[in-house]
Amino acid sequence: MEFIVKDYSEISKDTIRMTSEEWDCVRGLDNDGVMRFFLEGITWPDGFPNCLKGLPIKEQLERYAVQESSEYSRSSYGESDKSELSSGCLIPLKDYKGLRGVIVNDNMVIGAIVSDFRERMQYLYPNRPVCLYLDVDTDGTGASSSSVFAYMHCLSV
């Protein structure tokens, strides 16, 4: 499998997603400061990512999995919302159909580059889901929306 290997130092703050509170914390920082804050904010399970030191990238991929979850909701004017949520199974990162590359820091995989439904590249990190698809429609009788999010999971060592 051919894929992109991108160093974390090359990632721009324009490509990450943080809460408004997190953005308030980094106000005034340059790109390096924002990205350092973002990386420090990733919640890693015990042993990660240090357990990846020295392993080839292909072996590191085996320590991660991706899970997609989709939600569909419909509301009619004057009625309560109806919503369906379904979570997919864990897919090994190396087998994930949307995998386009990995993000490395100190030769350790810390994130993935995945494509969304429109083939745009998204940066996926553990405990930092990304939206792969979002559609909202109103038809005069109510509104419906559907979304698909991807989650990156660290697998036990």
Protein backbone atom coordinates (compact mmCIF):
# COMPACT_ATOMS: atom_id res chain seq x y z
CA MET A 1 0.00 0.00 0.00
CA GLU A 2 1.37 3.39 -0.98
CA PHE A 3 0.43 6.26 1.29
CA ILE A 4 1.58 9.67 2.43
CA VAL A 5 3.88 9.99 5.44
CA LYS A 6 3.60 13.53 6.77
CA ASP A 7 5.59 14.89 9.68
CA TYR A 8 3.52 16.54 12.39
CA SER A 9 5.70 19.66 12.12
CA GLU A 10 4.28 20.20 8.61
CA ILE A 11 0.65 20.27 9.78
CA SER A 12 -1.07 23.64 9.82
CA LYS A 13 -3.36 24.81 12.60
CA ASP A 14 -5.94 25.44 9.87
CA THR A 15 -6.44 21.67 9.52
CA ILE A 16 -7.20 20.77 13.13
CA ARG A 17 -10.45 20.83 15.05
CA MET A 18 -10.62 22.02 18.62
CA THR A 19 -13.36 23.26 20.91
CA SER A 20 -13.94 27.00 21.26
CA GLU A 21 -12.47 26.78 24.77
CA GLU A 22 -9.29 25.22 23.37
CA TRP A 23 -9.05 27.92 20.70
CA ASP A 24 -9.38 30.54 23.44
CA CYS A 25 -6.36 28.98 25.19
CA VAL A 26 -4.16 29.31 22.11
CA ARG A 27 -5.21 32.79 21.05
CA GLY A 28 -2.10 34.71 19.99
CA LEU A 29 0.14 31.65 19.59
CA ASP A 30 1.93 30.94 16.32
CA ASN A 31 1.36 27.71 14.38
CA ASP A 32 4.03 25.80 16.33
CA GLY A 33 2.50 26.82 19.66
CA VAL A 34 -1.01 25.85 18.59
CA MET A 35 0.15 22.49 17.27
CA ARG A 36 2.15 21.77 20.45
CA PHE A 37 -0.97 22.55 22.52
CA PHE A 38 -3.09 20.30 20.28
CA LEU A 39 -0.67 17.36 20.55
CA GLU A 40 -0.45 17.73 24.33
CA GLY A 41 -4.26 17.66 24.47
CA ILE A 42 -4.57 14.22 22.89
CA THR A 43 -5.59 11.69 25.52
CA TRP A 44 -3.38 8.63 25.04
CA PRO A 45 -3.93 5.28 26.73
CA ASP A 46 -1.08 3.97 28.88
CA GLY A 47 1.95 3.14 26.79
CA PHE A 48 0.97 5.19 23.76
CA PRO A 49 2.57 6.44 21.62
CA ASN A 50 5.90 5.39 23.21
CA CYS A 51 5.17 1.68 22.56
CA LEU A 52 5.60 2.47 18.86
CA LYS A 53 9.24 3.58 19.14
CA GLY A 54 11.51 1.64 16.83
CA LEU A 55 8.70 -0.15 14.97
CA PRO A 56 8.37 0.24 11.20
CA ILE A 57 5.37 2.36 10.17
CA LYS A 58 3.48 -0.64 8.77
CA GLU A 59 3.73 -2.38 12.16
CA GLN A 60 2.66 0.80 13.94
CA LEU A 61 -0.52 0.85 11.85
CA GLU A 62 -1.52 -2.45 13.47
CA ARG A 63 -1.80 -0.63 16.81
CA TYR A 64 -4.65 1.59 15.59
CA ALA A 65 -8.21 1.07 14.41
CA VAL A 66 -10.89 3.32 12.93
CA GLN A 67 -14.60 3.28 13.71
CA GLU A 68 -17.28 5.17 11.81
CA SER A 69 -20.55 6.18 13.35
CA SER A 70 -23.50 7.61 11.51
CA GLU A 71 -26.48 9.54 12.71
CA TYR A 72 -29.73 10.32 10.95
CA SER A 73 -32.31 12.60 12.45
CA ARG A 74 -35.66 13.85 11.23
CA SER A 75 -37.95 16.40 12.77
CA SER A 76 -41.33 17.48 11.50
CA TYR A 77 -42.77 20.80 12.45
CA GLY A 78 -44.85 20.28 15.57
CA GLU A 79 -43.38 16.83 16.31
CA SER A 80 -40.49 15.65 18.41
CA ASP A 81 -37.18 14.67 16.87
CA LYS A 82 -36.56 11.15 15.66
CA SER A 83 -32.95 10.12 15.61
CA GLU A 84 -31.00 6.99 14.73
CA LEU A 85 -27.37 6.42 15.69
CA SER A 86 -25.35 3.48 14.49
CA SER A 87 -21.73 2.71 15.21
CA GLY A 88 -19.69 0.53 12.94
CA CYS A 89 -17.18 -2.07 14.01
CA LEU A 90 -13.50 -1.36 14.57
CA ILE A 91 -11.52 -1.60 11.35
CA PRO A 92 -7.73 -1.96 11.54
CA LEU A 93 -6.23 1.33 10.37
CA LYS A 94 -4.14 -0.46 7.73
CA ASP A 95 -7.38 -1.86 6.21
CA TYR A 96 -9.48 1.29 6.43
CA LYS A 97 -10.80 2.19 2.98
CA GLY A 98 -10.33 5.92 3.52
CA LEU A 99 -6.69 5.76 4.65
CA ARG A 100 -4.50 7.99 2.52
CA GLY A 101 -1.53 8.48 4.82
CA VAL A 102 -0.16 8.80 8.33
CA ILE A 103 1.04 11.64 10.51
CA VAL A 104 4.26 10.97 12.38
CA ASN A 105 6.03 12.69 15.24
CA ASP A 106 9.53 11.48 16.20
CA ASN A 107 9.03 8.51 13.79
CA MET A 108 5.88 7.40 15.65
CA VAL A 109 2.45 7.34 14.02
CA ILE A 110 0.20 9.75 15.95
CA GLY A 111 -2.56 10.31 13.39
CA ALA A 112 -3.95 9.37 10.02
CA ILE A 113 -4.82 11.18 6.82
CA VAL A 114 -8.22 9.97 5.63
CA SER A 115 -10.49 11.01 2.81
CA ASP A 116 -14.05 12.09 3.40
CA PHE A 117 -17.03 11.34 1.16
CA ARG A 118 -16.01 14.15 -1.18
CA GLU A 119 -12.40 12.89 -1.37
CA ARG A 120 -11.06 15.81 0.69
CA MET A 121 -8.23 14.98 3.08
CA GLN A 122 -9.01 15.05 6.80
CA TYR A 123 -6.57 14.64 9.69
CA LEU A 124 -7.66 12.05 12.24
CA TYR A 125 -6.14 11.70 15.71
CA PRO A 126 -7.03 9.49 18.70
CA ASN A 127 -9.97 10.93 20.66
CA ARG A 128 -10.41 13.66 18.05
CA PRO A 129 -13.18 12.56 15.66
CA VAL A 130 -13.58 14.08 12.20
CA CYS A 131 -16.72 14.56 10.17
CA LEU A 132 -16.61 12.61 6.92
CA TYR A 133 -20.10 13.50 5.73
CA LEU A 134 -22.78 16.01 6.69
CA ASP A 135 -26.04 16.76 4.95
CA VAL A 136 -28.98 18.86 6.14
CA ASP A 137 -32.21 19.14 4.19
CA THR A 138 -35.42 21.07 4.78
CA ASP A 139 -38.49 20.30 2.74
CA GLY A 140 -41.22 22.54 4.12
CA THR A 141 -42.59 19.89 6.49
CA GLY A 142 -39.49 19.60 8.65
CA ALA A 143 -35.81 18.96 8.50
CA SER A 144 -33.55 15.96 8.23
CA SER A 145 -29.84 15.58 8.71
CA SER A 146 -27.32 12.82 8.36
CA SER A 147 -23.69 12.69 9.36
CA VAL A 148 -20.80 10.24 9.49
CA PHE A 149 -17.89 10.66 11.88
CA ALA A 150 -14.64 8.69 12.06
CA TYR A 151 -12.88 7.90 15.34
CA MET A 152 -9.31 6.66 15.72
CA HIS A 153 -8.67 4.14 18.51
CA CYS A 154 -5.40 2.94 20.02
CA LEU A 155 -5.27 -0.83 20.38
CA SER A 156 -3.71 -2.47 23.41
CA VAL A 157 -0.05 -3.26 23.28
